Amino acid sequence: MSHCGKFYYEDRYVSGCLQSCSDADACNSTRPIFLSSYIFFIMILFLLIFTS
């Protein structure tokens, strides 16, 4: 979400836009890396088991 306008910031009157993110994802909507690593590990394990 962004907010544009004029406002006081640290005792100065400024104009511009601010962007705020939700606390849940902090502007980062990617998947956790451990899930991708886990899936990759399972795929390698299956390849090793079924190609032997």
PDB file of N, CA and C in Angstrom:
ATOM      1  N   MET A   1       0.843  -1.151   0.000  1.00  0.00           N
ATOM      2  CA  MET A   1       0.000   0.000   0.000  1.00  0.00           C
ATOM      3  C   MET A   1       0.904   1.233   0.000  1.00  0.00           C
ATOM      4  N   SER A   2       0.534   2.252  -0.722  1.00  0.00           N
ATOM      5  CA  SER A   2       1.341   3.474  -0.736  1.00  0.00           C
ATOM      6  C   SER A   2       0.470   4.670  -0.360  1.00  0.00           C
ATOM      7  N   HIS A   3       1.111   5.670   0.215  1.00  0.00           N
ATOM      8  CA  HIS A   3       0.446   6.897   0.635  1.00  0.00           C
ATOM      9  C   HIS A   3       1.242   8.057   0.065  1.00  0.00           C
ATOM     10  N   CYS A   4       0.574   8.940  -0.650  1.00  0.00           N
ATOM     11  CA  CYS A   4       1.244  10.111  -1.219  1.00  0.00           C
ATOM     12  C   CYS A   4       0.625  11.376  -0.644  1.00  0.00           C
ATOM     13  N   GLY A   5       1.453  12.400  -0.508  1.00  0.00           N
ATOM     14  CA  GLY A   5       0.968  13.673  -0.003  1.00  0.00           C
ATOM     15  C   GLY A   5       2.079  14.467   0.643  1.00  0.00           C
ATOM     16  N   LYS A   6       1.678  15.449   1.466  1.00  0.00           N
ATOM     17  CA  LYS A   6       2.622  16.304   2.183  1.00  0.00           C
ATOM     18  C   LYS A   6       2.442  16.042   3.668  1.00  0.00           C
ATOM     19  N   PHE A   7       3.564  15.944   4.375  1.00  0.00           N
ATOM     20  CA  PHE A   7       3.496  15.608   5.792  1.00  0.00           C
ATOM     21  C   PHE A   7       4.788  16.019   6.475  1.00  0.00           C
ATOM     22  N   TYR A   8       4.771  15.992   7.797  1.00  0.00           N
ATOM     23  CA  TYR A   8       5.958  16.291   8.588  1.00  0.00           C
ATOM     24  C   TYR A   8       6.733  15.008   8.838  1.00  0.00           C
ATOM     25  N   TYR A   9       8.041  15.078   8.630  1.00  0.00           N
ATOM     26  CA  TYR A   9       8.926  13.948   8.887  1.00  0.00           C
ATOM     27  C   TYR A   9      10.194  14.482   9.525  1.00  0.00           C
ATOM     28  N   GLU A  10      10.474  14.076  10.742  1.00  0.00           N
ATOM     29  CA  GLU A  10      11.651  14.534  11.492  1.00  0.00           C
ATOM     30  C   GLU A  10      11.769  16.060  11.477  1.00  0.00           C
ATOM     31  N   ASP A  11      10.702  16.716  11.885  1.00  0.00           N
ATOM     32  CA  ASP A  11      10.629  18.184  11.994  1.00  0.00           C
ATOM     33  C   ASP A  11      10.786  18.908  10.663  1.00  0.00           C
ATOM     34  N   ARG A  12      10.572  18.222   9.549  1.00  0.00           N
ATOM     35  CA  ARG A  12      10.617  18.864   8.226  1.00  0.00           C
ATOM     36  C   ARG A  12       9.305  18.590   7.516  1.00  0.00           C
ATOM     37  N   TYR A  13       8.821  19.573   6.756  1.00  0.00           N
ATOM     38  CA  TYR A  13       7.609  19.410   5.965  1.00  0.00           C
ATOM     39  C   TYR A  13       8.024  18.915   4.583  1.00  0.00           C
ATOM     40  N   VAL A  14       7.635  17.710   4.236  1.00  0.00           N
ATOM     41  CA  VAL A  14       8.065  17.096   2.979  1.00  0.00           C
ATOM     42  C   VAL A  14       6.854  16.655   2.177  1.00  0.00           C
ATOM     43  N   SER A  15       7.076  16.436   0.880  1.00  0.00           N
ATOM     44  CA  SER A  15       6.024  15.876   0.031  1.00  0.00           C
ATOM     45  C   SER A  15       6.598  14.683  -0.714  1.00  0.00           C
ATOM     46  N   GLY A  16       5.751  13.691  -0.917  1.00  0.00           N
ATOM     47  CA  GLY A  16       6.204  12.490  -1.607  1.00  0.00           C
ATOM     48  C   GLY A  16       5.292  11.323  -1.305  1.00  0.00           C
ATOM     49  N   CYS A  17       5.801  10.130  -1.522  1.00  0.00           N
ATOM     50  CA  CYS A  17       5.017   8.913  -1.321  1.00  0.00           C
ATOM     51  C   CYS A  17       5.752   7.964  -0.381  1.00  0.00           C
ATOM     52  N   LEU A  18       4.987   7.250   0.426  1.00  0.00           N
ATOM     53  CA  LEU A  18       5.509   6.219   1.311  1.00  0.00           C
ATOM     54  C   LEU A  18       4.880   4.899   0.922  1.00  0.00           C
ATOM     55  N   GLN A  19       5.645   3.848   0.989  1.00  0.00           N
ATOM     56  CA  GLN A  19       5.102   2.521   0.722  1.00  0.00           C
ATOM     57  C   GLN A  19       5.204   1.697   1.985  1.00  0.00           C
ATOM     58  N   SER A  20       4.115   1.044   2.326  1.00  0.00           N
ATOM     59  CA  SER A  20       4.138   0.170   3.499  1.00  0.00           C
ATOM     60  C   SER A  20       3.756  -1.239   3.069  1.00  0.00           C
ATOM     61  N   CYS A  21       4.314  -2.218   3.745  1.00  0.00           N
ATOM     62  CA  CYS A  21       4.067  -3.620   3.432  1.00  0.00           C
ATOM     63  C   CYS A  21       3.365  -4.277   4.604  1.00  0.00           C
ATOM     64  N   SER A  22       2.723  -5.377   4.338  1.00  0.00           N
ATOM     65  CA  SER A  22       2.073  -6.102   5.425  1.00  0.00           C
ATOM     66  C   SER A  22       3.121  -6.761   6.308  1.00  0.00           C
ATOM     67  N   ASP A  23       2.761  -7.020   7.546  1.00  0.00           N
ATOM     68  CA  ASP A  23       3.683  -7.676   8.464  1.00  0.00           C
ATOM     69  C   ASP A  23       3.894  -9.137   8.102  1.00  0.00           C
ATOM     70  N   ALA A  24       2.966  -9.724   7.355  1.00  0.00           N
ATOM     71  CA  ALA A  24       3.044 -11.154   7.042  1.00  0.00           C
ATOM     72  C   ALA A  24       4.162 -11.470   6.058  1.00  0.00           C
ATOM     73  N   ASP A  25       4.278 -10.703   4.965  1.00  0.00           N
ATOM     74  CA  ASP A  25       5.277 -11.054   3.953  1.00  0.00           C
ATOM     75  C   ASP A  25       6.351  -9.992   3.751  1.00  0.00           C
ATOM     76  N   ALA A  26       6.215  -8.851   4.371  1.00  0.00           N
ATOM     77  CA  ALA A  26       7.226  -7.788   4.290  1.00  0.00           C
ATOM     78  C   ALA A  26       7.619  -7.463   2.850  1.00  0.00           C
ATOM     79  N   CYS A  27       6.652  -7.350   1.967  1.00  0.00           N
ATOM     80  CA  CYS A  27       6.833  -7.043   0.541  1.00  0.00           C
ATOM     81  C   CYS A  27       7.580  -8.144  -0.201  1.00  0.00           C
ATOM     82  N   ASN A  28       7.593  -9.318   0.324  1.00  0.00           N
ATOM     83  CA  ASN A  28       8.304 -10.421  -0.305  1.00  0.00           C
ATOM     84  C   ASN A  28       7.348 -11.602  -0.412  1.00  0.00           C
ATOM     85  N   SER A  29       6.908 -11.889  -1.621  1.00  0.00           N
ATOM     86  CA  SER A  29       5.891 -12.922  -1.789  1.00  0.00           C
ATOM     87  C   SER A  29       6.454 -14.230  -2.331  1.00  0.00           C
ATOM     88  N   THR A  30       7.729 -14.473  -2.205  1.00  0.00           N
ATOM     89  CA  THR A  30       8.304 -15.715  -2.708  1.00  0.00           C
ATOM     90  C   THR A  30       8.101 -16.849  -1.717  1.00  0.00           C
ATOM     91  N   ARG A  31       8.255 -18.064  -2.215  1.00  0.00           N
ATOM     92  CA  ARG A  31       8.138 -19.230  -1.350  1.00  0.00           C
ATOM     93  C   ARG A  31       9.387 -19.370  -0.492  1.00  0.00           C
ATOM     94  N   PRO A  32       9.242 -19.964   0.676  1.00  0.00           N
ATOM     95  CA  PRO A  32      10.432 -20.230   1.492  1.00  0.00           C
ATOM     96  C   PRO A  32      11.389 -21.164   0.765  1.00  0.00           C
ATOM     97  N   ILE A  33      12.677 -20.943   0.917  1.00  0.00           N
ATOM     98  CA  ILE A  33      13.672 -21.719   0.180  1.00  0.00           C
ATOM     99  C   ILE A  33      13.711 -23.171   0.641  1.00  0.00           C
ATOM    100  N   PHE A  34      13.387 -23.444   1.913  1.00  0.00           N
ATOM    101  CA  PHE A  34      13.480 -24.817   2.391  1.00  0.00           C
ATOM    102  C   PHE A  34      12.483 -25.728   1.688  1.00  0.00           C
ATOM    103  N   LEU A  35      11.336 -25.202   1.255  1.00  0.00           N
ATOM    104  CA  LEU A  35      10.360 -26.018   0.541  1.00  0.00           C
ATOM    105  C   LEU A  35      10.916 -26.442  -0.809  1.00  0.00           C
ATOM    106  N   SER A  36      11.542 -25.535  -1.532  1.00  0.00           N
ATOM    107  CA  SER A  36      12.142 -25.867  -2.821  1.00  0.00           C
ATOM    108  C   SER A  36      13.276 -26.866  -2.650  1.00  0.00           C
ATOM    109  N   SER A  37      14.089 -26.694  -1.628  1.00  0.00           N
ATOM    110  CA  SER A  37      15.193 -27.617  -1.374  1.00  0.00           C
ATOM    111  C   SER A  37      14.675 -29.000  -1.008  1.00  0.00           C
ATOM    112  N   TYR A  38      13.616 -29.051  -0.242  1.00  0.00           N
ATOM    113  CA  TYR A  38      13.030 -30.324   0.162  1.00  0.00           C
ATOM    114  C   TYR A  38      12.506 -31.085  -1.061  1.00  0.00           C
ATOM    115  N   ILE A  39      11.806 -30.405  -1.953  1.00  0.00           N
ATOM    116  CA  ILE A  39      11.285 -31.041  -3.168  1.00  0.00           C
ATOM    117  C   ILE A  39      12.431 -31.528  -4.043  1.00  0.00           C
ATOM    118  N   PHE A  40      13.485 -30.739  -4.182  1.00  0.00           N
ATOM    119  CA  PHE A  40      14.646 -31.135  -4.968  1.00  0.00           C
ATOM    120  C   PHE A  40      15.295 -32.387  -4.375  1.00  0.00           C
ATOM    121  N   PHE A  41      15.440 -32.436  -3.064  1.00  0.00           N
ATOM    122  CA  PHE A  41      16.027 -33.592  -2.395  1.00  0.00           C
ATOM    123  C   PHE A  41      15.195 -34.850  -2.643  1.00  0.00           C
ATOM    124  N   ILE A  42      13.883 -34.751  -2.561  1.00  0.00           N
ATOM    125  CA  ILE A  42      12.998 -35.898  -2.800  1.00  0.00           C
ATOM    126  C   ILE A  42      13.129 -36.375  -4.243  1.00  0.00           C
ATOM    127  N   MET A  43      13.227 -35.461  -5.192  1.00  0.00           N
ATOM    128  CA  MET A  43      13.376 -35.850  -6.600  1.00  0.00           C
ATOM    129  C   MET A  43      14.685 -36.601  -6.818  1.00  0.00           C
ATOM    130  N   ILE A  44      15.768 -36.124  -6.250  1.00  0.00           N
ATOM    131  CA  ILE A  44      17.063 -36.802  -6.373  1.00  0.00           C
ATOM    132  C   ILE A  44      17.002 -38.179  -5.727  1.00  0.00           C
ATOM    133  N   LEU A  45      16.360 -38.280  -4.586  1.00  0.00           N
ATOM    134  CA  LEU A  45      16.229 -39.559  -3.896  1.00  0.00           C
ATOM    135  C   LEU A  45      15.468 -40.567  -4.754  1.00  0.00           C
ATOM    136  N   PHE A  46      14.376 -40.146  -5.358  1.00  0.00           N
ATOM    137  CA  PHE A  46      13.617 -41.034  -6.239  1.00  0.00           C
ATOM    138  C   PHE A  46      14.447 -41.468  -7.444  1.00  0.00           C
ATOM    139  N   LEU A  47      15.195 -40.553  -8.018  1.00  0.00           N
ATOM    140  CA  LEU A  47      16.041 -40.905  -9.160  1.00  0.00           C
ATOM    141  C   LEU A  47      17.087 -41.941  -8.773  1.00  0.00           C
ATOM    142  N   LEU A  48      17.683 -41.778  -7.616  1.00  0.00           N
ATOM    143  CA  LEU A  48      18.688 -42.736  -7.164  1.00  0.00           C
ATOM    144  C   LEU A  48      18.075 -44.109  -6.881  1.00  0.00           C
ATOM    145  N   ILE A  49      16.894 -44.132  -6.327  1.00  0.00           N
ATOM    146  CA  ILE A  49      16.250 -45.404  -5.986  1.00  0.00           C
ATOM    147  C   ILE A  49      15.763 -46.131  -7.234  1.00  0.00           C
ATOM    148  N   PHE A  50      15.103 -45.423  -8.126  1.00  0.00           N
ATOM    149  CA  PHE A  50      14.457 -46.080  -9.262  1.00  0.00           C
ATOM    150  C   PHE A  50      15.365 -46.277 -10.474  1.00  0.00           C
ATOM    151  N   THR A  51      16.543 -45.677 -10.496  1.00  0.00           N
ATOM    152  CA  THR A  51      17.456 -45.897 -11.622  1.00  0.00           C
ATOM    153  C   THR A  51      18.550 -46.900 -11.282  1.00  0.00           C
ATOM    154  N   SER A  52      18.544 -47.426 -10.090  1.00  0.00           N
ATOM    155  CA  SER A  52      19.565 -48.408  -9.685  1.00  0.00           C
ATOM    156  C   SER A  52      19.210 -49.788 -10.186  1.00  0.00           C
TER     157      SER A  52
END
